[in-house]
């Protein structure tokens, strides 16, 4: 994955579901959420004149980051999941899928990039930093419609 080009691509397209300056946040090694305002960090050698992407790349040398690709909203009455992202979609879920993923409620989905690497994991995160339990949760790879849809959105927007 070309991290720099992928970040530029996501940030350029994400303003319909999240503020581009908040599309990326720090995820600590224990998967809890760190700062969600990378643009205001004053460490890791970040300079005021650095672009947002340059700041993110400097942070990535020291911290895991979560790149937001969209928001999930589950609708129990219809066993549906509305996806607000670069590609808005509504997907019908089987009862099994709804039981498996429905507890995500309204969360953001995206990728966790491990510090100082380009390895990533698909998952979700409640980006409301005001919650004490805001954290990244991996979405396990599977053959179900939900995972395939999320994976497809991510793969279509990552640049290799």
Protein backbone atom coordinates (compact mmCIF):
# COMPACT_ATOMS: atom_id res chain seq x y z
CA UNK A 1 0.00 0.00 0.00
CA UNK A 2 1.21 3.49 -0.83
CA UNK A 3 0.28 5.18 2.44
CA UNK A 4 0.87 8.75 1.29
CA UNK A 5 -1.22 8.43 -1.89
CA UNK A 6 -3.94 6.47 -0.05
CA UNK A 7 -4.23 9.14 2.66
CA UNK A 8 -4.40 11.89 0.03
CA UNK A 9 -7.14 9.95 -1.78
CA UNK A 10 -9.27 9.33 1.32
CA UNK A 11 -8.92 12.86 2.72
CA UNK A 12 -9.86 14.35 -0.66
CA UNK A 13 -13.11 12.35 -0.77
CA UNK A 14 -14.28 12.06 2.86
CA UNK A 15 -16.03 15.37 3.54
CA UNK A 16 -19.52 13.92 3.08
CA UNK A 17 -19.13 11.66 6.15
CA UNK A 18 -16.37 13.26 8.30
CA UNK A 19 -14.32 16.44 8.53
CA UNK A 20 -11.16 15.75 6.48
CA UNK A 21 -8.99 17.08 9.34
CA UNK A 22 -10.51 14.46 11.66
CA UNK A 23 -10.50 11.51 9.25
CA UNK A 24 -7.39 10.04 10.87
CA UNK A 25 -6.78 9.40 14.55
CA UNK A 26 -4.16 7.76 16.72
CA UNK A 27 -4.87 4.29 18.08
CA UNK A 28 -2.71 3.22 21.01
CA UNK A 29 -1.10 -0.23 21.20
CA UNK A 30 -3.94 -1.38 23.51
CA UNK A 31 -6.42 -0.38 20.73
CA UNK A 32 -7.85 2.60 22.63
CA UNK A 33 -8.25 5.87 20.84
CA UNK A 34 -5.63 8.59 21.12
CA UNK A 35 -5.73 12.05 19.58
CA UNK A 36 -8.20 12.59 16.78
CA UNK A 37 -6.75 15.98 15.85
CA UNK A 38 -3.43 15.21 14.23
CA UNK A 39 -3.37 18.68 12.70
CA UNK A 40 -2.80 20.23 16.13
CA UNK A 41 -0.12 17.85 17.46
CA UNK A 42 3.17 19.47 18.44
CA UNK A 43 5.42 16.41 18.69
CA UNK A 44 7.07 13.81 16.44
CA UNK A 45 8.91 16.57 14.59
CA UNK A 46 5.70 18.09 13.22
CA UNK A 47 6.11 21.62 11.91
CA UNK A 48 3.31 24.17 11.49
CA UNK A 49 3.96 24.39 7.75
CA UNK A 50 3.68 20.61 7.25
CA UNK A 51 0.70 19.48 5.21
CA UNK A 52 -1.89 17.26 6.88
CA UNK A 53 -0.48 14.22 5.06
CA UNK A 54 3.08 15.06 6.13
CA UNK A 55 1.89 15.33 9.75
CA UNK A 56 0.15 11.95 9.52
CA UNK A 57 3.25 10.31 8.06
CA UNK A 58 5.38 11.71 10.92
CA UNK A 59 2.87 10.42 13.49
CA UNK A 60 2.80 6.99 11.81
CA UNK A 61 6.50 6.52 12.57
CA UNK A 62 5.58 6.48 16.29
CA UNK A 63 1.89 5.59 16.56
CA UNK A 64 -0.77 3.35 15.01
CA UNK A 65 -3.32 5.34 13.01
CA UNK A 66 -6.93 4.71 12.04
CA UNK A 67 -8.10 6.03 8.67
CA UNK A 68 -11.85 6.49 8.48
CA UNK A 69 -13.55 5.25 5.30
CA UNK A 70 -17.15 5.80 6.42
CA UNK A 71 -19.84 5.40 9.03
CA UNK A 72 -22.06 2.39 9.75
CA UNK A 73 -25.67 2.75 10.90
CA UNK A 74 -27.55 -0.46 11.68
CA UNK A 75 -31.34 -0.55 11.36
CA UNK A 76 -32.69 -3.49 13.40
CA UNK A 77 -36.26 -3.30 12.17
CA UNK A 78 -35.14 -4.09 8.62
CA UNK A 79 -31.87 -6.00 9.25
CA UNK A 80 -30.09 -3.35 7.21
CA UNK A 81 -26.87 -1.43 7.48
CA UNK A 82 -26.61 2.03 5.97
CA UNK A 83 -23.07 2.90 4.99
CA UNK A 84 -22.21 6.57 4.68
CA UNK A 85 -18.83 6.78 2.98
CA UNK A 86 -17.06 7.58 -0.23
CA UNK A 87 -19.58 5.13 -1.68
CA UNK A 88 -22.93 5.35 0.15
CA UNK A 89 -24.72 2.00 0.29
CA UNK A 90 -27.52 0.21 2.06
CA UNK A 91 -27.01 -3.50 2.48
CA UNK A 92 -29.49 -6.09 3.63
CA UNK A 93 -28.10 -8.39 6.29
CA UNK A 94 -29.08 -11.92 7.13
CA UNK A 95 -30.20 -12.48 10.72
CA UNK A 96 -26.82 -14.09 11.41
CA UNK A 97 -24.93 -11.10 10.00
CA UNK A 98 -27.05 -8.67 11.98
CA UNK A 99 -26.37 -10.58 15.20
CA UNK A 100 -22.66 -10.68 14.35
CA UNK A 101 -22.23 -6.95 13.49
CA UNK A 102 -25.30 -5.12 14.83
CA UNK A 103 -23.59 -4.28 18.12
CA UNK A 104 -21.37 -1.84 16.21
CA UNK A 105 -24.42 0.47 16.19
CA UNK A 106 -23.19 3.77 14.76
CA UNK A 107 -19.45 3.53 14.36
CA UNK A 108 -16.88 4.50 11.79
CA UNK A 109 -15.13 1.83 9.75
CA UNK A 110 -11.74 1.94 8.16
CA UNK A 111 -8.23 0.63 8.54
CA UNK A 112 -5.73 0.57 11.34
CA UNK A 113 -2.19 1.03 10.04
CA UNK A 114 0.42 -0.26 12.42
CA UNK A 115 3.13 2.21 13.38
CA UNK A 116 6.16 2.44 11.14
CA UNK A 117 4.68 0.01 8.61
CA UNK A 118 2.14 -0.23 5.83
CA UNK A 119 0.36 -3.27 7.31
CA UNK A 120 -3.31 -2.62 7.90
CA UNK A 121 -6.31 -4.24 9.59
CA UNK A 122 -9.96 -3.57 8.70
CA UNK A 123 -12.07 -2.58 11.67
CA UNK A 124 -14.33 -0.07 13.34
CA UNK A 125 -13.92 2.66 15.91
CA UNK A 126 -16.26 4.87 17.88
CA UNK A 127 -14.55 8.18 17.16
CA UNK A 128 -16.34 10.01 19.94
CA UNK A 129 -13.29 10.54 22.15
CA UNK A 130 -15.56 11.53 25.01
CA UNK A 131 -16.35 7.87 25.69
CA UNK A 132 -13.88 6.15 27.97
CA UNK A 133 -14.15 2.93 25.98
CA UNK A 134 -13.61 4.42 22.51
CA UNK A 135 -11.42 1.87 20.80
CA UNK A 136 -10.57 0.09 17.58
CA UNK A 137 -12.20 -3.31 16.97
CA UNK A 138 -11.08 -5.57 14.17
CA UNK A 139 -13.73 -6.77 11.74
CA UNK A 140 -12.71 -10.35 11.05
CA UNK A 141 -12.37 -11.39 7.43
CA UNK A 142 -15.34 -13.48 6.31
CA UNK A 143 -17.35 -14.42 3.26
CA UNK A 144 -20.52 -12.63 4.35
CA UNK A 145 -22.06 -9.70 2.47
CA UNK A 146 -21.25 -7.14 5.17
CA UNK A 147 -17.51 -7.85 5.21
CA UNK A 148 -17.31 -8.07 1.42
CA UNK A 149 -19.01 -4.67 1.07
CA UNK A 150 -16.73 -2.98 3.63
CA UNK A 151 -13.63 -4.62 2.13
CA UNK A 152 -14.67 -3.55 -1.38
CA UNK A 153 -15.05 0.11 -0.35
CA UNK A 154 -11.63 0.04 1.31
CA UNK A 155 -9.87 -1.78 -1.55
CA UNK A 156 -11.38 0.62 -4.11
CA UNK A 157 -9.83 3.58 -2.29
CA UNK A 158 -6.42 2.30 -1.24
CA UNK A 159 -3.65 3.01 -3.70
CA UNK A 160 -1.00 0.35 -4.16
